[in-house]
PDB file of all heavy atoms in Angstrom:
ATOM      1  N   PRO A   1      82.304  43.076 -65.098  1.00  0.00           N
ATOM      2  CA  PRO A   1      82.711  44.369 -65.729  1.00  0.00           C
ATOM      3  C   PRO A   1      83.429  44.164 -67.051  1.00  0.00           C
ATOM      4  O   PRO A   1      83.608  45.124 -67.785  1.00  0.00           O
ATOM      5  CB  PRO A   1      83.689  44.929 -64.660  1.00  0.00           C
ATOM      6  CG  PRO A   1      83.396  44.234 -63.374  1.00  0.00           C
ATOM      7  CD  PRO A   1      82.979  42.850 -63.782  1.00  0.00           C
ATOM      8  N   LEU A   2      83.830  42.912 -67.334  1.00  0.00           N
ATOM      9  CA  LEU A   2      84.560  42.651 -68.596  1.00  0.00           C
ATOM     10  C   LEU A   2      83.684  42.480 -69.825  1.00  0.00           C
ATOM     11  O   LEU A   2      84.193  42.490 -70.949  1.00  0.00           O
ATOM     12  CB  LEU A   2      85.421  41.418 -68.424  1.00  0.00           C
ATOM     13  CG  LEU A   2      86.387  41.385 -67.248  1.00  0.00           C
ATOM     14  CD1 LEU A   2      87.123  40.076 -67.155  1.00  0.00           C
ATOM     15  CD2 LEU A   2      87.356  42.574 -67.372  1.00  0.00           C
ATOM     16  N   VAL A   3      82.340  42.367 -69.579  1.00  0.00           N
ATOM     17  CA  VAL A   3      81.467  42.166 -70.762  1.00  0.00           C
ATOM     18  C   VAL A   3      80.358  43.192 -70.630  1.00  0.00           C
ATOM     19  O   VAL A   3      79.999  43.695 -69.566  1.00  0.00           O
ATOM     20  CB  VAL A   3      80.855  40.743 -70.709  1.00  0.00           C
ATOM     21  CG1 VAL A   3      81.875  39.679 -70.891  1.00  0.00           C
ATOM     22  CG2 VAL A   3      80.030  40.503 -69.434  1.00  0.00           C
ATOM     23  N   PRO A   4      79.803  43.561 -71.819  1.00  0.00           N
ATOM     24  CA  PRO A   4      78.706  44.602 -71.785  1.00  0.00           C
ATOM     25  C   PRO A   4      77.407  43.956 -71.197  1.00  0.00           C
ATOM     26  O   PRO A   4      77.234  42.746 -71.121  1.00  0.00           O
ATOM     27  CB  PRO A   4      78.529  44.977 -73.262  1.00  0.00           C
ATOM     28  CG  PRO A   4      79.038  43.741 -74.007  1.00  0.00           C
ATOM     29  CD  PRO A   4      80.128  43.158 -73.189  1.00  0.00           C
ATOM     30  N   GLY A   5      76.508  44.831 -70.817  1.00  0.00           N
ATOM     31  CA  GLY A   5      75.256  44.378 -70.255  1.00  0.00           C
ATOM     32  C   GLY A   5      75.241  44.414 -68.761  1.00  0.00           C
ATOM     33  O   GLY A   5      76.188  44.215 -68.103  1.00  0.00           O
ATOM     34  N   HIS A   6      74.031  44.757 -68.247  1.00  0.00           N
ATOM     35  CA  HIS A   6      73.895  44.863 -66.822  1.00  0.00           C
ATOM     36  C   HIS A   6      73.919  43.513 -66.084  1.00  0.00           C
ATOM     37  O   HIS A   6      72.931  42.756 -66.240  1.00  0.00           O
ATOM     38  CB  HIS A   6      72.544  45.612 -66.471  1.00  0.00           C
ATOM     39  CG  HIS A   6      72.313  45.814 -64.994  1.00  0.00           C
ATOM     40  ND1 HIS A   6      73.066  46.677 -64.209  1.00  0.00           N
ATOM     41  CD2 HIS A   6      71.369  45.250 -64.219  1.00  0.00           C
ATOM     42  CE1 HIS A   6      72.559  46.652 -62.963  1.00  0.00           C
ATOM     43  NE2 HIS A   6      71.599  45.787 -62.920  1.00  0.00           N
ATOM     44  N   LEU A   7      74.999  43.187 -65.405  1.00  0.00           N
ATOM     45  CA  LEU A   7      75.137  41.919 -64.701  1.00  0.00           C
ATOM     46  C   LEU A   7      74.823  40.721 -65.590  1.00  0.00           C
ATOM     47  O   LEU A   7      74.186  39.765 -65.158  1.00  0.00           O
ATOM     48  CB  LEU A   7      74.216  41.908 -63.494  1.00  0.00           C
ATOM     49  CG  LEU A   7      74.465  42.947 -62.361  1.00  0.00           C
ATOM     50  CD1 LEU A   7      73.450  42.847 -61.266  1.00  0.00           C
ATOM     51  CD2 LEU A   7      75.904  42.787 -61.813  1.00  0.00           C
ATOM     52  N   ARG A   8      75.375  40.776 -66.800  1.00  0.00           N
ATOM     53  CA  ARG A   8      75.015  39.680 -67.777  1.00  0.00           C
ATOM     54  C   ARG A   8      75.574  38.355 -67.252  1.00  0.00           C
ATOM     55  O   ARG A   8      74.879  37.350 -67.331  1.00  0.00           O
ATOM     56  CB  ARG A   8      75.624  40.050 -69.128  1.00  0.00           C
ATOM     57  CG  ARG A   8      75.386  38.958 -70.184  1.00  0.00           C
ATOM     58  CD  ARG A   8      75.866  39.400 -71.509  1.00  0.00           C
ATOM     59  NE  ARG A   8      75.088  40.470 -72.095  1.00  0.00           N
ATOM     60  CZ  ARG A   8      75.299  41.005 -73.285  1.00  0.00           C
ATOM     61  NH1 ARG A   8      76.293  40.610 -73.989  1.00  0.00           N
ATOM     62  NH2 ARG A   8      74.515  41.947 -73.719  1.00  0.00           N
ATOM     63  N   VAL A   9      76.830  38.338 -66.892  1.00  0.00           N
ATOM     64  CA  VAL A   9      77.454  37.029 -66.492  1.00  0.00           C
ATOM     65  C   VAL A   9      76.807  36.464 -65.216  1.00  0.00           C
ATOM     66  O   VAL A   9      76.382  35.295 -65.146  1.00  0.00           O
ATOM     67  CB  VAL A   9      78.949  37.210 -66.278  1.00  0.00           C
ATOM     68  CG1 VAL A   9      79.562  35.892 -65.765  1.00  0.00           C
ATOM     69  CG2 VAL A   9      79.584  37.579 -67.566  1.00  0.00           C
ATOM     70  N   PRO A  10      76.611  37.239 -64.149  1.00  0.00           N
ATOM     71  CA  PRO A  10      75.888  36.705 -62.958  1.00  0.00           C
ATOM     72  C   PRO A  10      74.481  36.238 -63.255  1.00  0.00           C
ATOM     73  O   PRO A  10      74.014  35.229 -62.729  1.00  0.00           O
ATOM     74  CB  PRO A  10      75.838  37.887 -62.027  1.00  0.00           C
ATOM     75  CG  PRO A  10      76.993  38.747 -62.379  1.00  0.00           C
ATOM     76  CD  PRO A  10      77.100  38.593 -63.886  1.00  0.00           C
ATOM     77  N   ARG A  11      73.733  36.944 -64.158  1.00  0.00           N
ATOM     78  CA  ARG A  11      72.422  36.463 -64.508  1.00  0.00           C
ATOM     79  C   ARG A  11      72.481  35.088 -65.161  1.00  0.00           C
ATOM     80  O   ARG A  11      71.661  34.186 -64.893  1.00  0.00           O
ATOM     81  CB  ARG A  11      71.773  37.464 -65.431  1.00  0.00           C
ATOM     82  CG  ARG A  11      71.288  38.734 -64.770  1.00  0.00           C
ATOM     83  CD  ARG A  11      70.449  39.520 -65.791  1.00  0.00           C
ATOM     84  NE  ARG A  11      70.172  40.899 -65.301  1.00  0.00           N
ATOM     85  CZ  ARG A  11      69.120  41.574 -65.707  1.00  0.00           C
ATOM     86  NH1 ARG A  11      68.254  41.010 -66.520  1.00  0.00           N
ATOM     87  NH2 ARG A  11      68.987  42.806 -65.309  1.00  0.00           N
ATOM     88  N   LEU A  12      73.417  34.958 -66.141  1.00  0.00           N
ATOM     89  CA  LEU A  12      73.506  33.680 -66.848  1.00  0.00           C
ATOM     90  C   LEU A  12      73.938  32.546 -65.923  1.00  0.00           C
ATOM     91  O   LEU A  12      73.356  31.419 -66.015  1.00  0.00           O
ATOM     92  CB  LEU A  12      74.481  33.830 -67.967  1.00  0.00           C
ATOM     93  CG  LEU A  12      74.546  32.670 -69.029  1.00  0.00           C
ATOM     94  CD1 LEU A  12      73.184  32.516 -69.701  1.00  0.00           C
ATOM     95  CD2 LEU A  12      75.609  32.887 -70.042  1.00  0.00           C
ATOM     96  N   VAL A  13      74.880  32.789 -65.057  1.00  0.00           N
ATOM     97  CA  VAL A  13      75.257  31.759 -64.066  1.00  0.00           C
ATOM     98  C   VAL A  13      74.114  31.383 -63.147  1.00  0.00           C
ATOM     99  O   VAL A  13      73.885  30.217 -62.897  1.00  0.00           O
ATOM    100  CB  VAL A  13      76.515  32.277 -63.332  1.00  0.00           C
ATOM    101  CG1 VAL A  13      76.829  31.328 -62.140  1.00  0.00           C
ATOM    102  CG2 VAL A  13      77.745  32.370 -64.146  1.00  0.00           C
ATOM    103  N   PHE A  14      73.461  32.402 -62.682  1.00  0.00           N
ATOM    104  CA  PHE A  14      72.302  32.218 -61.770  1.00  0.00           C
ATOM    105  C   PHE A  14      71.269  31.335 -62.471  1.00  0.00           C
ATOM    106  O   PHE A  14      70.765  30.373 -61.895  1.00  0.00           O
ATOM    107  CB  PHE A  14      71.703  33.513 -61.380  1.00  0.00           C
ATOM    108  CG  PHE A  14      70.467  33.421 -60.529  1.00  0.00           C
ATOM    109  CD1 PHE A  14      70.473  33.097 -59.171  1.00  0.00           C
ATOM    110  CD2 PHE A  14      69.189  33.594 -61.130  1.00  0.00           C
ATOM    111  CE1 PHE A  14      69.387  32.949 -58.456  1.00  0.00           C
ATOM    112  CE2 PHE A  14      68.036  33.477 -60.365  1.00  0.00           C
ATOM    113  CZ  PHE A  14      68.133  33.159 -59.004  1.00  0.00           C
ATOM    114  N   LEU A  15      70.908  31.665 -63.704  1.00  0.00           N
ATOM    115  CA  LEU A  15      69.861  30.898 -64.396  1.00  0.00           C
ATOM    116  C   LEU A  15      70.316  29.461 -64.641  1.00  0.00           C
ATOM    117  O   LEU A  15      69.568  28.498 -64.523  1.00  0.00           O
ATOM    118  CB  LEU A  15      69.583  31.559 -65.760  1.00  0.00           C
ATOM    119  CG  LEU A  15      68.624  32.778 -65.693  1.00  0.00           C
ATOM    120  CD1 LEU A  15      68.454  33.335 -67.085  1.00  0.00           C
ATOM    121  CD2 LEU A  15      67.292  32.387 -65.130  1.00  0.00           C
ATOM    122  N   ALA A  16      71.603  29.251 -65.003  1.00  0.00           N
ATOM    123  CA  ALA A  16      72.079  27.901 -65.262  1.00  0.00           C
ATOM    124  C   ALA A  16      72.002  27.059 -63.966  1.00  0.00           C
ATOM    125  O   ALA A  16      71.586  25.909 -63.990  1.00  0.00           O
ATOM    126  CB  ALA A  16      73.538  27.959 -65.776  1.00  0.00           C
ATOM    127  N   VAL A  17      72.496  27.643 -62.853  1.00  0.00           N
ATOM    128  CA  VAL A  17      72.447  26.875 -61.599  1.00  0.00           C
ATOM    129  C   VAL A  17      71.015  26.618 -61.165  1.00  0.00           C
ATOM    130  O   VAL A  17      70.613  25.516 -60.730  1.00  0.00           O
ATOM    131  CB  VAL A  17      73.187  27.715 -60.481  1.00  0.00           C
ATOM    132  CG1 VAL A  17      72.979  27.026 -59.113  1.00  0.00           C
ATOM    133  CG2 VAL A  17      74.646  27.794 -60.826  1.00  0.00           C
ATOM    134  N   VAL A  18      70.112  27.652 -61.288  1.00  0.00           N
ATOM    135  CA  VAL A  18      68.706  27.445 -60.931  1.00  0.00           C
ATOM    136  C   VAL A  18      68.073  26.335 -61.753  1.00  0.00           C
ATOM    137  O   VAL A  18      67.337  25.514 -61.210  1.00  0.00           O
ATOM    138  CB  VAL A  18      67.980  28.773 -61.159  1.00  0.00           C
ATOM    139  CG1 VAL A  18      66.473  28.561 -61.253  1.00  0.00           C
ATOM    140  CG2 VAL A  18      68.233  29.718 -59.989  1.00  0.00           C
ATOM    141  N   TYR A  19      68.396  26.303 -63.082  1.00  0.00           N
ATOM    142  CA  TYR A  19      67.712  25.347 -63.876  1.00  0.00           C
ATOM    143  C   TYR A  19      68.185  23.855 -63.504  1.00  0.00           C
ATOM    144  O   TYR A  19      67.347  22.940 -63.409  1.00  0.00           O
ATOM    145  CB  TYR A  19      67.963  25.527 -65.339  1.00  0.00           C
ATOM    146  CG  TYR A  19      67.126  24.620 -66.223  1.00  0.00           C
ATOM    147  CD1 TYR A  19      65.826  24.986 -66.467  1.00  0.00           C
ATOM    148  CD2 TYR A  19      67.610  23.450 -66.707  1.00  0.00           C
ATOM    149  CE1 TYR A  19      64.991  24.182 -67.269  1.00  0.00           C
ATOM    150  CE2 TYR A  19      66.819  22.613 -67.493  1.00  0.00           C
ATOM    151  CZ  TYR A  19      65.529  23.009 -67.751  1.00  0.00           C
ATOM    152  OH  TYR A  19      64.685  22.174 -68.491  1.00  0.00           O
ATOM    153  N   VAL A  20      69.475  23.725 -63.250  1.00  0.00           N
ATOM    154  CA  VAL A  20      69.953  22.391 -62.867  1.00  0.00           C
ATOM    155  C   VAL A  20      69.343  21.960 -61.544  1.00  0.00           C
ATOM    156  O   VAL A  20      68.885  20.821 -61.349  1.00  0.00           O
ATOM    157  CB  VAL A  20      71.508  22.343 -62.789  1.00  0.00           C
ATOM    158  CG1 VAL A  20      72.006  21.036 -62.194  1.00  0.00           C
ATOM    159  CG2 VAL A  20      72.108  22.577 -64.212  1.00  0.00           C
ATOM    160  N   VAL A  21      69.345  22.875 -60.551  1.00  0.00           N
ATOM    161  CA  VAL A  21      68.745  22.595 -59.242  1.00  0.00           C
ATOM    162  C   VAL A  21      67.266  22.278 -59.346  1.00  0.00           C
ATOM    163  O   VAL A  21      66.738  21.372 -58.761  1.00  0.00           O
ATOM    164  CB  VAL A  21      68.988  23.716 -58.238  1.00  0.00           C
ATOM    165  CG1 VAL A  21      68.264  23.493 -56.939  1.00  0.00           C
ATOM    166  CG2 VAL A  21      70.485  23.855 -57.966  1.00  0.00           C
ATOM    167  N   TRP A  22      66.545  23.076 -60.173  1.00  0.00           N
ATOM    168  CA  TRP A  22      65.142  22.886 -60.446  1.00  0.00           C
ATOM    169  C   TRP A  22      64.903  21.536 -61.038  1.00  0.00           C
ATOM    170  O   TRP A  22      63.975  20.786 -60.627  1.00  0.00           O
ATOM    171  CB  TRP A  22      64.674  23.995 -61.389  1.00  0.00           C
ATOM    172  CG  TRP A  22      63.229  23.897 -61.840  1.00  0.00           C
ATOM    173  CD1 TRP A  22      62.137  24.364 -61.200  1.00  0.00           C
ATOM    174  CD2 TRP A  22      62.707  23.222 -62.991  1.00  0.00           C
ATOM    175  NE1 TRP A  22      60.949  24.091 -61.886  1.00  0.00           N
ATOM    176  CE2 TRP A  22      61.346  23.368 -63.002  1.00  0.00           C
ATOM    177  CE3 TRP A  22      63.347  22.562 -64.074  1.00  0.00           C
ATOM    178  CZ2 TRP A  22      60.516  22.870 -64.054  1.00  0.00           C
ATOM    179  CZ3 TRP A  22      62.541  22.058 -65.092  1.00  0.00           C
ATOM    180  CH2 TRP A  22      61.160  22.191 -65.086  1.00  0.00           C
ATOM    181  N   ASP A  23      65.689  21.123 -62.040  1.00  0.00           N
ATOM    182  CA  ASP A  23      65.540  19.828 -62.625  1.00  0.00           C
ATOM    183  C   ASP A  23      65.716  18.705 -61.629  1.00  0.00           C
ATOM    184  O   ASP A  23      64.975  17.761 -61.607  1.00  0.00           O
ATOM    185  CB  ASP A  23      66.565  19.702 -63.760  1.00  0.00           C
ATOM    186  CG  ASP A  23      65.984  19.031 -65.010  1.00  0.00           C
ATOM    187  OD1 ASP A  23      65.110  19.591 -65.673  1.00  0.00           O
ATOM    188  OD2 ASP A  23      66.469  17.877 -65.343  1.00  0.00           O
ATOM    189  N   ALA A  24      66.779  18.884 -60.783  1.00  0.00           N
ATOM    190  CA  ALA A  24      67.099  17.820 -59.812  1.00  0.00           C
ATOM    191  C   ALA A  24      65.973  17.763 -58.767  1.00  0.00           C
ATOM    192  O   ALA A  24      65.576  16.648 -58.331  1.00  0.00           O
ATOM    193  CB  ALA A  24      68.402  18.141 -59.110  1.00  0.00           C
ATOM    194  N   ALA A  25      65.446  18.867 -58.293  1.00  0.00           N
ATOM    195  CA  ALA A  25      64.373  18.869 -57.324  1.00  0.00           C
ATOM    196  C   ALA A  25      63.085  18.185 -57.915  1.00  0.00           C
ATOM    197  O   ALA A  25      62.397  17.444 -57.248  1.00  0.00           O
ATOM    198  CB  ALA A  25      64.037  20.280 -56.884  1.00  0.00           C
ATOM    199  N   ALA A  26      62.828  18.467 -59.214  1.00  0.00           N
ATOM    200  CA  ALA A  26      61.710  17.852 -59.820  1.00  0.00           C
ATOM    201  C   ALA A  26      61.860  16.309 -59.953  1.00  0.00           C
ATOM    202  O   ALA A  26      60.940  15.578 -59.687  1.00  0.00           O
ATOM    203  CB  ALA A  26      61.507  18.425 -61.234  1.00  0.00           C
ATOM    204  N   LEU A  27      63.075  15.915 -60.188  1.00  0.00           N
ATOM    205  CA  LEU A  27      63.353  14.452 -60.266  1.00  0.00           C
ATOM    206  C   LEU A  27      63.174  13.793 -58.875  1.00  0.00           C
ATOM    207  O   LEU A  27      62.614  12.641 -58.826  1.00  0.00           O
ATOM    208  CB  LEU A  27      64.817  14.199 -60.742  1.00  0.00           C
ATOM    209  CG  LEU A  27      65.037  14.446 -62.235  1.00  0.00           C
ATOM    210  CD1 LEU A  27      66.545  14.446 -62.531  1.00  0.00           C
ATOM    211  CD2 LEU A  27      64.326  13.382 -63.096  1.00  0.00           C
ATOM    212  N   VAL A  28      63.567  14.433 -57.871  1.00  0.00           N
ATOM    213  CA  VAL A  28      63.378  13.905 -56.462  1.00  0.00           C
ATOM    214  C   VAL A  28      61.872  13.788 -56.144  1.00  0.00           C
ATOM    215  O   VAL A  28      61.439  12.792 -55.630  1.00  0.00           O
ATOM    216  CB  VAL A  28      64.113  14.778 -55.460  1.00  0.00           C
ATOM    217  CG1 VAL A  28      63.761  14.325 -54.018  1.00  0.00           C
ATOM    218  CG2 VAL A  28      65.619  14.686 -55.679  1.00  0.00           C
ATOM    219  N   ALA A  29      61.130  14.905 -56.533  1.00  0.00           N
ATOM    220  CA  ALA A  29      59.714  14.863 -56.290  1.00  0.00           C
ATOM    221  C   ALA A  29      58.964  13.785 -57.117  1.00  0.00           C
ATOM    222  O   ALA A  29      58.112  13.065 -56.594  1.00  0.00           O
ATOM    223  CB  ALA A  29      59.096  16.237 -56.599  1.00  0.00           C
ATOM    224  N   LEU A  30      59.409  13.632 -58.336  1.00  0.00           N
ATOM    225  CA  LEU A  30      58.854  12.547 -59.182  1.00  0.00           C
ATOM    226  C   LEU A  30      59.157  11.178 -58.665  1.00  0.00           C
ATOM    227  O   LEU A  30      58.345  10.265 -58.744  1.00  0.00           O
ATOM    228  CB  LEU A  30      59.343  12.705 -60.585  1.00  0.00           C
ATOM    229  CG  LEU A  30      58.786  13.942 -61.364  1.00  0.00           C
ATOM    230  CD1 LEU A  30      59.595  14.187 -62.654  1.00  0.00           C
ATOM    231  CD2 LEU A  30      57.340  13.695 -61.707  1.00  0.00           C
ATOM    232  N   ALA A  31      60.415  11.002 -58.101  1.00  0.00           N
ATOM    233  CA  ALA A  31      60.725   9.723 -57.501  1.00  0.00           C
ATOM    234  C   ALA A  31      59.841   9.452 -56.306  1.00  0.00           C
ATOM    235  O   ALA A  31      59.411   8.291 -56.057  1.00  0.00           O
ATOM    236  CB  ALA A  31      62.223   9.746 -57.112  1.00  0.00           C
ATOM    237  N   ALA A  32      59.554  10.465 -55.492  1.00  0.00           N
ATOM    238  CA  ALA A  32      58.672  10.265 -54.346  1.00  0.00           C
ATOM    239  C   ALA A  32      57.283   9.905 -54.785  1.00  0.00           C
ATOM    240  O   ALA A  32      56.621   9.033 -54.115  1.00  0.00           O
ATOM    241  CB  ALA A  32      58.672  11.595 -53.538  1.00  0.00           C
ATOM    242  N   LEU A  33      56.773  10.481 -55.868  1.00  0.00           N
ATOM    243  CA  LEU A  33      55.486  10.162 -56.369  1.00  0.00           C
ATOM    244  C   LEU A  33      55.450   8.653 -56.853  1.00  0.00           C
ATOM    245  O   LEU A  33      54.492   7.923 -56.709  1.00  0.00           O
ATOM    246  CB  LEU A  33      55.021  11.026 -57.497  1.00  0.00           C
ATOM    247  CG  LEU A  33      54.447  12.393 -57.075  1.00  0.00           C
ATOM    248  CD1 LEU A  33      54.145  13.246 -58.308  1.00  0.00           C
ATOM    249  CD2 LEU A  33      53.230  12.229 -56.210  1.00  0.00           C
ATOM    250  N   TRP A  34      56.532   8.293 -57.467  1.00  0.00           N
ATOM    251  CA  TRP A  34      56.604   6.878 -57.955  1.00  0.00           C
ATOM    252  C   TRP A  34      56.606   5.873 -56.815  1.00  0.00           C
ATOM    253  O   TRP A  34      55.907   4.896 -56.885  1.00  0.00           O
ATOM    254  CB  TRP A  34      57.933   6.742 -58.743  1.00  0.00           C
ATOM    255  CG  TRP A  34      58.121   5.346 -59.325  1.00  0.00           C
ATOM    256  CD1 TRP A  34      57.557   4.890 -60.471  1.00  0.00           C
ATOM    257  CD2 TRP A  34      58.925   4.278 -58.892  1.00  0.00           C
ATOM    258  NE1 TRP A  34      57.921   3.628 -60.772  1.00  0.00           N
ATOM    259  CE2 TRP A  34      58.814   3.202 -59.764  1.00  0.00           C
ATOM    260  CE3 TRP A  34      59.783   4.149 -57.710  1.00  0.00           C
ATOM    261  CZ2 TRP A  34      59.503   2.038 -59.615  1.00  0.00           C
ATOM    262  CZ3 TRP A  34      60.427   2.977 -57.547  1.00  0.00           C
ATOM    263  CH2 TRP A  34      60.279   1.931 -58.485  1.00  0.00           C
ATOM    264  N   VAL A  35      57.303   6.211 -55.728  1.00  0.00           N
ATOM    265  CA  VAL A  35      57.280   5.296 -54.549  1.00  0.00           C
ATOM    266  C   VAL A  35      55.874   5.335 -53.954  1.00  0.00           C
ATOM    267  O   VAL A  35      55.303   4.288 -53.615  1.00  0.00           O
ATOM    268  CB  VAL A  35      58.324   5.765 -53.488  1.00  0.00           C
ATOM    269  CG1 VAL A  35      58.178   5.013 -52.191  1.00  0.00           C
ATOM    270  CG2 VAL A  35      59.734   5.604 -54.023  1.00  0.00           C
ATOM    271  N   ALA A  36      55.259   6.490 -53.791  1.00  0.00           N
ATOM    272  CA  ALA A  36      53.912   6.596 -53.220  1.00  0.00           C
ATOM    273  C   ALA A  36      52.849   5.875 -54.036  1.00  0.00           C
ATOM    274  O   ALA A  36      51.851   5.436 -53.475  1.00  0.00           O
ATOM    275  CB  ALA A  36      53.537   8.082 -53.029  1.00  0.00           C
ATOM    276  N   SER A  37      53.103   5.727 -55.322  1.00  0.00           N
ATOM    277  CA  SER A  37      52.137   5.063 -56.175  1.00  0.00           C
ATOM    278  C   SER A  37      52.290   3.537 -56.157  1.00  0.00           C
ATOM    279  O   SER A  37      51.648   2.859 -56.966  1.00  0.00           O
ATOM    280  CB  SER A  37      52.260   5.546 -57.631  1.00  0.00           C
ATOM    281  OG  SER A  37      53.475   5.122 -58.218  1.00  0.00           O
TER     282      SER A  37
END
């Protein structure tokens, strides 16, 4: 409520967390492919 825009802060926090988790999950999957190869 302290900043303009519809849920601007939650959206930004959500995207930041999602991207870090996405990056980490991709790294785990890439590590699994490396072991499998």
